[in-house]
PDB file of N, CA and C in Angstrom:
ATOM      1  N   MET A   1      88.005  84.013 -62.611  1.00  0.00           N
ATOM      2  CA  MET A   1      87.114  84.090 -61.578  1.00  0.00           C
ATOM      3  C   MET A   1      86.334  82.870 -61.555  1.00  0.00           C
ATOM      4  N   THR A   2      86.031  82.272 -60.327  1.00  0.00           N
ATOM      5  CA  THR A   2      85.333  81.010 -60.141  1.00  0.00           C
ATOM      6  C   THR A   2      83.976  81.466 -59.532  1.00  0.00           C
ATOM      7  N   GLY A   3      83.047  80.632 -59.514  1.00  0.00           N
ATOM      8  CA  GLY A   3      81.813  80.706 -58.869  1.00  0.00           C
ATOM      9  C   GLY A   3      80.987  81.972 -59.520  1.00  0.00           C
ATOM     10  N   GLY A   4      79.913  82.563 -58.657  1.00  0.00           N
ATOM     11  CA  GLY A   4      79.308  83.681 -59.108  1.00  0.00           C
ATOM     12  C   GLY A   4      79.961  84.890 -59.001  1.00  0.00           C
ATOM     13  N   ASP A   5      79.018  85.961 -59.098  1.00  0.00           N
ATOM     14  CA  ASP A   5      79.490  87.324 -59.105  1.00  0.00           C
ATOM     15  C   ASP A   5      80.454  87.741 -57.856  1.00  0.00           C
ATOM     16  N   ARG A   6      81.411  88.658 -58.038  1.00  0.00           N
ATOM     17  CA  ARG A   6      82.205  88.955 -56.977  1.00  0.00           C
ATOM     18  C   ARG A   6      82.176  90.533 -56.849  1.00  0.00           C
ATOM     19  N   THR A   7      82.276  91.061 -55.634  1.00  0.00           N
ATOM     20  CA  THR A   7      82.236  92.506 -55.457  1.00  0.00           C
ATOM     21  C   THR A   7      83.012  92.651 -54.160  1.00  0.00           C
ATOM     22  N   ILE A   8      83.529  93.949 -53.977  1.00  0.00           N
ATOM     23  CA  ILE A   8      84.078  94.542 -52.762  1.00  0.00           C
ATOM     24  C   ILE A   8      83.256  95.763 -52.499  1.00  0.00           C
ATOM     25  N   ASP A   9      83.389  96.103 -51.355  1.00  0.00           N
ATOM     26  CA  ASP A   9      82.605  97.327 -50.743  1.00  0.00           C
ATOM     27  C   ASP A   9      81.151  97.308 -51.118  1.00  0.00           C
ATOM     28  N   SER A  10      80.634  98.412 -51.256  1.00  0.00           N
ATOM     29  CA  SER A  10      79.267  98.577 -51.416  1.00  0.00           C
ATOM     30  C   SER A  10      78.898  99.070 -52.756  1.00  0.00           C
ATOM     31  N   ILE A  11      79.831  99.104 -53.750  1.00  0.00           N
ATOM     32  CA  ILE A  11      79.575  99.908 -54.864  1.00  0.00           C
ATOM     33  C   ILE A  11      79.201  98.915 -56.025  1.00  0.00           C
ATOM     34  N   ALA A  12      78.806  97.663 -55.825  1.00  0.00           N
ATOM     35  CA  ALA A  12      78.315  96.813 -56.761  1.00  0.00           C
ATOM     36  C   ALA A  12      77.046  97.182 -57.396  1.00  0.00           C
ATOM     37  N   PRO A  13      76.764  96.940 -58.478  1.00  0.00           N
ATOM     38  CA  PRO A  13      75.311  97.279 -59.033  1.00  0.00           C
ATOM     39  C   PRO A  13      74.375  96.629 -58.279  1.00  0.00           C
ATOM     40  N   ASP A  14      73.230  97.439 -58.126  1.00  0.00           N
ATOM     41  CA  ASP A  14      71.824  96.926 -57.634  1.00  0.00           C
ATOM     42  C   ASP A  14      72.223  96.646 -56.136  1.00  0.00           C
ATOM     43  N   SER A  15      73.147  97.114 -55.302  1.00  0.00           N
ATOM     44  CA  SER A  15      73.451  96.518 -54.231  1.00  0.00           C
ATOM     45  C   SER A  15      72.745  97.423 -52.954  1.00  0.00           C
ATOM     46  N   ALA A  16      72.205  98.489 -53.400  1.00  0.00           N
ATOM     47  CA  ALA A  16      71.404  99.427 -52.511  1.00  0.00           C
ATOM     48  C   ALA A  16      70.090  98.930 -52.138  1.00  0.00           C
ATOM     49  N   SER A  17      69.789  99.106 -50.906  1.00  0.00           N
ATOM     50  CA  SER A  17      68.382  98.866 -50.461  1.00  0.00           C
ATOM     51  C   SER A  17      67.667 100.150 -50.067  1.00  0.00           C
ATOM     52  N   ALA A  18      66.326 100.024 -50.075  1.00  0.00           N
ATOM     53  CA  ALA A  18      65.622 101.240 -49.979  1.00  0.00           C
ATOM     54  C   ALA A  18      66.012 101.782 -48.607  1.00  0.00           C
ATOM     55  N   GLY A  19      66.261 103.162 -48.737  1.00  0.00           N
ATOM     56  CA  GLY A  19      66.654 103.980 -47.552  1.00  0.00           C
ATOM     57  C   GLY A  19      68.203 103.755 -47.087  1.00  0.00           C
ATOM     58  N   SER A  20      68.910 103.016 -47.803  1.00  0.00           N
ATOM     59  CA  SER A  20      70.325 102.797 -47.450  1.00  0.00           C
ATOM     60  C   SER A  20      71.165 103.619 -48.326  1.00  0.00           C
ATOM     61  N   THR A  21      72.418 103.925 -47.744  1.00  0.00           N
ATOM     62  CA  THR A  21      73.417 104.862 -48.672  1.00  0.00           C
ATOM     63  C   THR A  21      74.246 103.747 -49.254  1.00  0.00           C
ATOM     64  N   ALA A  22      74.104 102.481 -49.123  1.00  0.00           N
ATOM     65  CA  ALA A  22      74.968 101.523 -49.857  1.00  0.00           C
ATOM     66  C   ALA A  22      74.728 101.557 -51.419  1.00  0.00           C
ATOM     67  N   GLY A  23      75.775 101.582 -52.219  1.00  0.00           N
ATOM     68  CA  GLY A  23      75.566 101.560 -53.490  1.00  0.00           C
ATOM     69  C   GLY A  23      75.613 102.952 -54.114  1.00  0.00           C
ATOM     70  N   LYS A  24      75.335 104.064 -53.360  1.00  0.00           N
ATOM     71  CA  LYS A  24      75.299 105.275 -53.908  1.00  0.00           C
ATOM     72  C   LYS A  24      76.742 105.801 -54.312  1.00  0.00           C
ATOM     73  N   ARG A  25      76.712 106.584 -55.276  1.00  0.00           N
ATOM     74  CA  ARG A  25      78.069 106.957 -55.635  1.00  0.00           C
ATOM     75  C   ARG A  25      78.031 108.583 -55.347  1.00  0.00           C
ATOM     76  N   ALA A  26      79.183 109.102 -54.945  1.00  0.00           N
ATOM     77  CA  ALA A  26      79.423 110.509 -54.510  1.00  0.00           C
ATOM     78  C   ALA A  26      79.621 111.323 -55.825  1.00  0.00           C
ATOM     79  N   LEU A  27      79.972 110.866 -56.856  1.00  0.00           N
ATOM     80  CA  LEU A  27      80.347 111.467 -58.235  1.00  0.00           C
ATOM     81  C   LEU A  27      79.325 111.063 -59.223  1.00  0.00           C
ATOM     82  N   PRO A  28      78.693 112.098 -59.929  1.00  0.00           N
ATOM     83  CA  PRO A  28      77.868 111.748 -61.077  1.00  0.00           C
ATOM     84  C   PRO A  28      78.567 111.198 -62.187  1.00  0.00           C
ATOM     85  N   ARG A  29      77.833 110.262 -62.849  1.00  0.00           N
ATOM     86  CA  ARG A  29      78.505 109.461 -64.026  1.00  0.00           C
ATOM     87  C   ARG A  29      77.660 109.656 -65.325  1.00  0.00           C
ATOM     88  N   ASP A  30      78.374 109.673 -66.299  1.00  0.00           N
ATOM     89  CA  ASP A  30      77.798 109.921 -67.673  1.00  0.00           C
ATOM     90  C   ASP A  30      77.525 108.536 -68.217  1.00  0.00           C
ATOM     91  N   SER A  31      76.451 108.276 -68.811  1.00  0.00           N
ATOM     92  CA  SER A  31      76.175 107.159 -69.640  1.00  0.00           C
ATOM     93  C   SER A  31      76.666 107.364 -71.019  1.00  0.00           C
ATOM     94  N   LEU A  32      77.387 106.414 -71.719  1.00  0.00           N
ATOM     95  CA  LEU A  32      77.851 106.535 -72.962  1.00  0.00           C
ATOM     96  C   LEU A  32      78.253 105.338 -73.536  1.00  0.00           C
ATOM     97  N   LEU A  33      78.759 105.131 -74.769  1.00  0.00           N
ATOM     98  CA  LEU A  33      79.227 104.035 -75.384  1.00  0.00           C
ATOM     99  C   LEU A  33      80.605 104.463 -76.123  1.00  0.00           C
ATOM    100  N   LEU A  34      81.707 104.068 -75.557  1.00  0.00           N
ATOM    101  CA  LEU A  34      83.054 104.423 -75.944  1.00  0.00           C
ATOM    102  C   LEU A  34      83.798 103.083 -76.023  1.00  0.00           C
ATOM    103  N   VAL A  35      84.637 103.023 -77.044  1.00  0.00           N
ATOM    104  CA  VAL A  35      85.413 101.838 -77.278  1.00  0.00           C
ATOM    105  C   VAL A  35      86.857 102.193 -76.893  1.00  0.00           C
ATOM    106  N   GLY A  36      87.577 101.310 -75.777  1.00  0.00           N
ATOM    107  CA  GLY A  36      88.857 101.485 -75.534  1.00  0.00           C
ATOM    108  C   GLY A  36      89.615 100.286 -75.495  1.00  0.00           C
ATOM    109  N   GLN A  37      90.895 100.302 -74.933  1.00  0.00           N
ATOM    110  CA  GLN A  37      91.761  99.105 -74.676  1.00  0.00           C
ATOM    111  C   GLN A  37      91.990  98.884 -73.306  1.00  0.00           C
ATOM    112  N   CYS A  38      92.032  97.681 -72.790  1.00  0.00           N
ATOM    113  CA  CYS A  38      92.278  97.346 -71.545  1.00  0.00           C
ATOM    114  C   CYS A  38      93.399  96.229 -71.467  1.00  0.00           C
ATOM    115  N   ARG A  39      94.162  96.279 -70.320  1.00  0.00           N
ATOM    116  CA  ARG A  39      95.031  95.137 -70.001  1.00  0.00           C
ATOM    117  C   ARG A  39      94.769  94.787 -68.635  1.00  0.00           C
ATOM    118  N   LEU A  40      94.574  93.444 -68.353  1.00  0.00           N
ATOM    119  CA  LEU A  40      94.210  93.098 -66.985  1.00  0.00           C
ATOM    120  C   LEU A  40      95.433  92.551 -66.199  1.00  0.00           C
ATOM    121  N   GLY A  41      95.796  93.051 -65.055  1.00  0.00           N
ATOM    122  CA  GLY A  41      96.860  92.587 -64.383  1.00  0.00           C
ATOM    123  C   GLY A  41      98.181  92.609 -65.073  1.00  0.00           C
ATOM    124  N   ASP A  42      98.878  91.443 -64.700  1.00  0.00           N
ATOM    125  CA  ASP A  42     100.108  91.119 -65.469  1.00  0.00           C
ATOM    126  C   ASP A  42      99.886  90.332 -66.746  1.00  0.00           C
ATOM    127  N   GLU A  43      98.565  89.978 -67.235  1.00  0.00           N
ATOM    128  CA  GLU A  43      98.379  89.246 -68.294  1.00  0.00           C
ATOM    129  C   GLU A  43      98.950  89.996 -69.608  1.00  0.00           C
ATOM    130  N   PRO A  44      99.368  89.210 -70.444  1.00  0.00           N
ATOM    131  CA  PRO A  44      99.985  89.797 -71.705  1.00  0.00           C
ATOM    132  C   PRO A  44      98.741  90.126 -72.656  1.00  0.00           C
ATOM    133  N   GLY A  45      98.797  90.861 -73.499  1.00  0.00           N
ATOM    134  CA  GLY A  45      97.696  91.259 -74.480  1.00  0.00           C
ATOM    135  C   GLY A  45      96.724  92.453 -73.931  1.00  0.00           C
ATOM    136  N   VAL A  46      96.092  92.958 -74.946  1.00  0.00           N
ATOM    137  CA  VAL A  46      95.101  94.174 -74.668  1.00  0.00           C
ATOM    138  C   VAL A  46      93.873  93.484 -75.268  1.00  0.00           C
ATOM    139  N   HIS A  47      92.867  93.885 -74.519  1.00  0.00           N
ATOM    140  CA  HIS A  47      91.498  93.787 -74.967  1.00  0.00           C
ATOM    141  C   HIS A  47      90.688  94.795 -75.208  1.00  0.00           C
ATOM    142  N   GLU A  48      89.863  94.681 -76.284  1.00  0.00           N
ATOM    143  CA  GLU A  48      88.848  95.879 -76.545  1.00  0.00           C
ATOM    144  C   GLU A  48      87.744  95.863 -75.496  1.00  0.00           C
ATOM    145  N   VAL A  49      87.426  96.896 -74.926  1.00  0.00           N
ATOM    146  CA  VAL A  49      86.243  97.091 -74.056  1.00  0.00           C
ATOM    147  C   VAL A  49      85.466  98.182 -74.403  1.00  0.00           C
ATOM    148  N   ARG A  50      84.084  98.131 -74.187  1.00  0.00           N
ATOM    149  CA  ARG A  50      83.028  99.059 -74.158  1.00  0.00           C
ATOM    150  C   ARG A  50      82.911  99.736 -72.903  1.00  0.00           C
ATOM    151  N   VAL A  51      83.083 100.996 -72.867  1.00  0.00           N
ATOM    152  CA  VAL A  51      82.921 101.650 -71.538  1.00  0.00           C
ATOM    153  C   VAL A  51      81.220 102.112 -71.760  1.00  0.00           C
ATOM    154  N   ARG A  52      80.658 101.722 -70.586  1.00  0.00           N
ATOM    155  CA  ARG A  52      79.182 102.198 -70.713  1.00  0.00           C
ATOM    156  C   ARG A  52      78.658 103.262 -69.772  1.00  0.00           C
ATOM    157  N   ASN A  53      79.741 103.649 -68.783  1.00  0.00           N
ATOM    158  CA  ASN A  53      79.340 104.823 -67.914  1.00  0.00           C
ATOM    159  C   ASN A  53      80.801 105.174 -67.322  1.00  0.00           C
ATOM    160  N   LEU A  54      80.750 106.480 -67.039  1.00  0.00           N
ATOM    161  CA  LEU A  54      82.103 107.164 -66.834  1.00  0.00           C
ATOM    162  C   LEU A  54      81.861 108.200 -65.848  1.00  0.00           C
ATOM    163  N   SER A  55      82.801 108.240 -64.910  1.00  0.00           N
ATOM    164  CA  SER A  55      82.854 109.488 -63.854  1.00  0.00           C
ATOM    165  C   SER A  55      84.257 109.789 -63.606  1.00  0.00           C
ATOM    166  N   GLU A  56      84.560 110.910 -62.778  1.00  0.00           N
ATOM    167  CA  GLU A  56      85.722 111.311 -62.398  1.00  0.00           C
ATOM    168  C   GLU A  56      86.690 110.234 -61.798  1.00  0.00           C
ATOM    169  N   ALA A  57      85.956 109.327 -61.100  1.00  0.00           N
ATOM    170  CA  ALA A  57      86.784 108.357 -60.283  1.00  0.00           C
ATOM    171  C   ALA A  57      86.500 106.807 -60.722  1.00  0.00           C
ATOM    172  N   GLY A  58      85.800 106.582 -61.662  1.00  0.00           N
ATOM    173  CA  GLY A  58      85.535 105.302 -62.047  1.00  0.00           C
ATOM    174  C   GLY A  58      84.712 104.973 -63.271  1.00  0.00           C
ATOM    175  N   LEU A  59      84.589 103.906 -63.556  1.00  0.00           N
ATOM    176  CA  LEU A  59      83.800 103.464 -64.985  1.00  0.00           C
ATOM    177  C   LEU A  59      83.285 102.130 -64.858  1.00  0.00           C
ATOM    178  N   MET A  60      82.311 101.904 -65.690  1.00  0.00           N
ATOM    179  CA  MET A  60      81.890 100.545 -65.900  1.00  0.00           C
ATOM    180  C   MET A  60      82.213 100.127 -67.345  1.00  0.00           C
ATOM    181  N   ILE A  61      82.807  98.919 -67.512  1.00  0.00           N
ATOM    182  CA  ILE A  61      83.266  98.408 -68.872  1.00  0.00           C
ATOM    183  C   ILE A  61      82.495  97.280 -69.083  1.00  0.00           C
ATOM    184  N   GLU A  62      82.211  96.759 -70.403  1.00  0.00           N
ATOM    185  CA  GLU A  62      81.866  95.437 -70.787  1.00  0.00           C
ATOM    186  C   GLU A  62      83.139  94.878 -71.338  1.00  0.00           C
ATOM    187  N   LEU A  63      83.312  93.581 -70.753  1.00  0.00           N
ATOM    188  CA  LEU A  63      84.444  92.771 -71.187  1.00  0.00           C
ATOM    189  C   LEU A  63      84.174  91.410 -70.957  1.00  0.00           C
ATOM    190  N   ASP A  64      84.142  90.506 -71.860  1.00  0.00           N
ATOM    191  CA  ASP A  64      83.725  89.085 -71.902  1.00  0.00           C
ATOM    192  C   ASP A  64      84.708  88.080 -70.997  1.00  0.00           C
ATOM    193  N   ILE A  65      85.914  88.705 -70.648  1.00  0.00           N
ATOM    194  CA  ILE A  65      86.905  88.146 -69.787  1.00  0.00           C
ATOM    195  C   ILE A  65      86.589  88.341 -68.333  1.00  0.00           C
ATOM    196  N   PRO A  66      86.371  87.488 -67.497  1.00  0.00           N
ATOM    197  CA  PRO A  66      86.148  87.799 -66.152  1.00  0.00           C
ATOM    198  C   PRO A  66      87.482  88.178 -65.268  1.00  0.00           C
ATOM    199  N   ALA A  67      87.456  89.114 -64.275  1.00  0.00           N
ATOM    200  CA  ALA A  67      88.613  89.496 -63.681  1.00  0.00           C
ATOM    201  C   ALA A  67      88.398  89.308 -62.144  1.00  0.00           C
ATOM    202  N   ASP A  68      89.222  89.079 -61.329  1.00  0.00           N
ATOM    203  CA  ASP A  68      89.005  89.023 -59.855  1.00  0.00           C
ATOM    204  C   ASP A  68      89.011  90.444 -59.338  1.00  0.00           C
ATOM    205  N   VAL A  69      87.969  90.546 -58.376  1.00  0.00           N
ATOM    206  CA  VAL A  69      87.973  91.945 -57.672  1.00  0.00           C
ATOM    207  C   VAL A  69      89.303  92.208 -56.993  1.00  0.00           C
ATOM    208  N   GLY A  70      89.652  93.369 -57.048  1.00  0.00           N
ATOM    209  CA  GLY A  70      90.972  93.713 -56.528  1.00  0.00           C
ATOM    210  C   GLY A  70      92.287  93.649 -57.715  1.00  0.00           C
ATOM    211  N   SER A  71      91.845  93.180 -58.747  1.00  0.00           N
ATOM    212  CA  SER A  71      92.943  93.042 -59.835  1.00  0.00           C
ATOM    213  C   SER A  71      93.251  94.377 -60.357  1.00  0.00           C
ATOM    214  N   HIS A  72      94.550  94.875 -60.799  1.00  0.00           N
ATOM    215  CA  HIS A  72      94.736  95.989 -61.422  1.00  0.00           C
ATOM    216  C   HIS A  72      94.432  95.947 -62.810  1.00  0.00           C
ATOM    217  N   VAL A  73      94.066  97.056 -63.338  1.00  0.00           N
ATOM    218  CA  VAL A  73      93.725  97.073 -64.774  1.00  0.00           C
ATOM    219  C   VAL A  73      94.444  98.511 -65.294  1.00  0.00           C
ATOM    220  N   TRP A  74      94.806  98.428 -66.681  1.00  0.00           N
ATOM    221  CA  TRP A  74      95.505  99.606 -67.330  1.00  0.00           C
ATOM    222  C   TRP A  74      94.419  99.810 -68.516  1.00  0.00           C
ATOM    223  N   LEU A  75      94.047 101.103 -68.691  1.00  0.00           N
ATOM    224  CA  LEU A  75      93.188 101.303 -69.826  1.00  0.00           C
ATOM    225  C   LEU A  75      93.746 102.618 -70.637  1.00  0.00           C
ATOM    226  N   ASP A  76      93.276 102.332 -71.869  1.00  0.00           N
ATOM    227  CA  ASP A  76      93.587 103.542 -72.845  1.00  0.00           C
ATOM    228  C   ASP A  76      92.301 103.965 -73.484  1.00  0.00           C
ATOM    229  N   LEU A  77      91.741 105.231 -73.136  1.00  0.00           N
ATOM    230  CA  LEU A  77      90.429 105.675 -73.591  1.00  0.00           C
ATOM    231  C   LEU A  77      90.645 106.797 -74.302  1.00  0.00           C
ATOM    232  N   PRO A  78      89.764 106.915 -75.637  1.00  0.00           N
ATOM    233  CA  PRO A  78      89.713 107.946 -76.544  1.00  0.00           C
ATOM    234  C   PRO A  78      89.513 109.174 -75.675  1.00  0.00           C
ATOM    235  N   GLY A  79      90.325 110.322 -75.925  1.00  0.00           N
ATOM    236  CA  GLY A  79      90.011 111.493 -75.292  1.00  0.00           C
ATOM    237  C   GLY A  79      90.572 111.733 -74.088  1.00  0.00           C
ATOM    238  N   ILE A  80      90.871 110.620 -73.327  1.00  0.00           N
ATOM    239  CA  ILE A  80      91.392 110.704 -71.965  1.00  0.00           C
ATOM    240  C   ILE A  80      92.870 110.087 -71.875  1.00  0.00           C
ATOM    241  N   GLY A  81      93.098 109.052 -72.756  1.00  0.00           N
ATOM    242  CA  GLY A  81      94.383 108.561 -72.770  1.00  0.00           C
ATOM    243  C   GLY A  81      94.624 107.350 -71.795  1.00  0.00           C
ATOM    244  N   GLU A  82      95.925 107.086 -71.380  1.00  0.00           N
ATOM    245  CA  GLU A  82      96.113 106.136 -70.468  1.00  0.00           C
ATOM    246  C   GLU A  82      95.742 106.298 -69.027  1.00  0.00           C
ATOM    247  N   THR A  83      95.214 105.342 -68.166  1.00  0.00           N
ATOM    248  CA  THR A  83      94.947 105.444 -66.810  1.00  0.00           C
ATOM    249  C   THR A  83      94.887 104.126 -66.267  1.00  0.00           C
ATOM    250  N   SER A  84      94.874 103.929 -65.035  1.00  0.00           N
ATOM    251  CA  SER A  84      94.736 102.726 -64.352  1.00  0.00           C
ATOM    252  C   SER A  84      93.720 102.716 -63.316  1.00  0.00           C
ATOM    253  N   GLY A  85      93.523 101.553 -62.782  1.00  0.00           N
ATOM    254  CA  GLY A  85      92.536 101.326 -61.769  1.00  0.00           C
ATOM    255  C   GLY A  85      92.447 100.019 -61.152  1.00  0.00           C
ATOM    256  N   THR A  86      91.469  99.683 -60.319  1.00  0.00           N
ATOM    257  CA  THR A  86      91.161  98.414 -59.661  1.00  0.00           C
ATOM    258  C   THR A  86      89.688  97.945 -59.951  1.00  0.00           C
ATOM    259  N   VAL A  87      89.722  96.602 -60.122  1.00  0.00           N
ATOM    260  CA  VAL A  87      88.361  95.941 -60.282  1.00  0.00           C
ATOM    261  C   VAL A  87      87.563  96.095 -58.982  1.00  0.00           C
ATOM    262  N   ALA A  88      86.530  96.807 -58.978  1.00  0.00           N
ATOM    263  CA  ALA A  88      85.888  96.977 -57.746  1.00  0.00           C
ATOM    264  C   ALA A  88      84.667  95.984 -57.752  1.00  0.00           C
ATOM    265  N   TRP A  89      84.085  95.435 -58.940  1.00  0.00           N
ATOM    266  CA  TRP A  89      83.140  94.429 -58.937  1.00  0.00           C
ATOM    267  C   TRP A  89      83.126  93.918 -60.360  1.00  0.00           C
ATOM    268  N   CYS A  90      82.688  92.719 -60.429  1.00  0.00           N
ATOM    269  CA  CYS A  90      82.565  91.874 -61.758  1.00  0.00           C
ATOM    270  C   CYS A  90      81.244  90.993 -61.860  1.00  0.00           C
ATOM    271  N   ALA A  91      80.559  91.300 -62.979  1.00  0.00           N
ATOM    272  CA  ALA A  91      79.322  90.542 -62.928  1.00  0.00           C
ATOM    273  C   ALA A  91      78.785  90.428 -64.275  1.00  0.00           C
ATOM    274  N   ALA A  92      78.696  89.284 -64.919  1.00  0.00           N
ATOM    275  CA  ALA A  92      78.052  88.782 -66.082  1.00  0.00           C
ATOM    276  C   ALA A  92      78.512  89.852 -67.278  1.00  0.00           C
ATOM    277  N   GLY A  93      79.805  89.799 -67.464  1.00  0.00           N
ATOM    278  CA  GLY A  93      80.448  90.486 -68.729  1.00  0.00           C
ATOM    279  C   GLY A  93      80.626  91.947 -68.517  1.00  0.00           C
ATOM    280  N   ARG A  94      80.339  92.356 -67.247  1.00  0.00           N
ATOM    281  CA  ARG A  94      80.662  93.850 -66.898  1.00  0.00           C
ATOM    282  C   ARG A  94      81.590  93.885 -65.796  1.00  0.00           C
ATOM    283  N   MET A  95      82.296  95.176 -65.665  1.00  0.00           N
ATOM    284  CA  MET A  95      82.897  95.153 -64.282  1.00  0.00           C
ATOM    285  C   MET A  95      83.171  96.779 -64.180  1.00  0.00           C
ATOM    286  N   GLY A  96      83.206  97.112 -62.819  1.00  0.00           N
ATOM    287  CA  GLY A  96      83.340  98.314 -62.321  1.00  0.00           C
ATOM    288  C   GLY A  96      84.795  98.598 -62.054  1.00  0.00           C
ATOM    289  N   ILE A  97      85.375  99.794 -62.395  1.00  0.00           N
ATOM    290  CA  ILE A  97      86.720 100.120 -62.060  1.00  0.00           C
ATOM    291  C   ILE A  97      86.863 101.117 -61.310  1.00  0.00           C
ATOM    292  N   ALA A  98      87.533 101.223 -60.158  1.00  0.00           N
ATOM    293  CA  ALA A  98      87.904 102.295 -59.254  1.00  0.00           C
ATOM    294  C   ALA A  98      89.219 102.778 -59.818  1.00  0.00           C
ATOM    295  N   LEU A  99      89.074 104.162 -60.355  1.00  0.00           N
ATOM    296  CA  LEU A  99      90.504 104.699 -60.925  1.00  0.00           C
ATOM    297  C   LEU A  99      91.448 105.032 -59.891  1.00  0.00           C
ATOM    298  N   ASP A 100      92.671 104.879 -60.172  1.00  0.00           N
ATOM    299  CA  ASP A 100      93.805 105.237 -59.285  1.00  0.00           C
ATOM    300  C   ASP A 100      93.811 106.610 -59.097  1.00  0.00           C
ATOM    301  N   GLY A 101      93.421 107.481 -60.011  1.00  0.00           N
ATOM    302  CA  GLY A 101      93.412 108.891 -59.855  1.00  0.00           C
ATOM    303  C   GLY A 101      92.104 109.399 -60.446  1.00  0.00           C
ATOM    304  N   THR A 102      91.876 110.734 -60.694  1.00  0.00           N
ATOM    305  CA  THR A 102      90.738 111.287 -61.342  1.00  0.00           C
ATOM    306  C   THR A 102      91.026 111.542 -62.838  1.00  0.00           C
ATOM    307  N   ILE A 103      89.975 111.584 -63.461  1.00  0.00           N
ATOM    308  CA  ILE A 103      89.942 111.964 -64.946  1.00  0.00           C
ATOM    309  C   ILE A 103      88.947 113.080 -65.097  1.00  0.00           C
ATOM    310  N   ASP A 104      88.852 113.644 -66.379  1.00  0.00           N
ATOM    311  CA  ASP A 104      87.825 114.605 -66.759  1.00  0.00           C
ATOM    312  C   ASP A 104      87.006 113.909 -67.657  1.00  0.00           C
ATOM    313  N   PRO A 105      85.935 113.310 -67.337  1.00  0.00           N
ATOM    314  CA  PRO A 105      85.006 112.485 -68.267  1.00  0.00           C
ATOM    315  C   PRO A 105      84.530 113.255 -69.355  1.00  0.00           C
ATOM    316  N   ARG A 106      84.589 114.731 -69.463  1.00  0.00           N
ATOM    317  CA  ARG A 106      84.124 115.396 -70.607  1.00  0.00           C
ATOM    318  C   ARG A 106      85.060 115.304 -71.665  1.00  0.00           C
ATOM    319  N   ARG A 107      86.284 114.968 -71.434  1.00  0.00           N
ATOM    320  CA  ARG A 107      87.356 114.760 -72.430  1.00  0.00           C
ATOM    321  C   ARG A 107      86.898 113.582 -73.424  1.00  0.00           C
ATOM    322  N   ALA A 108      86.182 112.567 -72.826  1.00  0.00           N
ATOM    323  CA  ALA A 108      85.809 111.423 -73.635  1.00  0.00           C
ATOM    324  C   ALA A 108      84.652 111.776 -74.652  1.00  0.00           C
ATOM    325  N   ARG A 109      84.169 112.846 -74.652  1.00  0.00           N
ATOM    326  CA  ARG A 109      83.023 113.278 -75.801  1.00  0.00           C
ATOM    327  C   ARG A 109      83.532 113.690 -77.065  1.00  0.00           C
TER     328      ARG A 109
END
């Protein structure tokens, strides 16, 4: 990624303004610290990630490697297993992932 933070849609962190529906999520998310594995796009190799919050349709991970918004990712998460999604936003070592399907976040506990 070059330049500053990148985002798509209105789901980027801190994008909501007072009285606006931008940035609001339809599904509740759980704050947690979970260590999993991630592969970015067609890149070889797997990276360790820290999952900071999780919902049925998405998650926020900490990863020191930037990724372009819209990039596909594959994840392997304890209790959940393998899943995939798309980078929705990326900022300062964190990224939001919109999952391709839904998961049961309670399985991560």
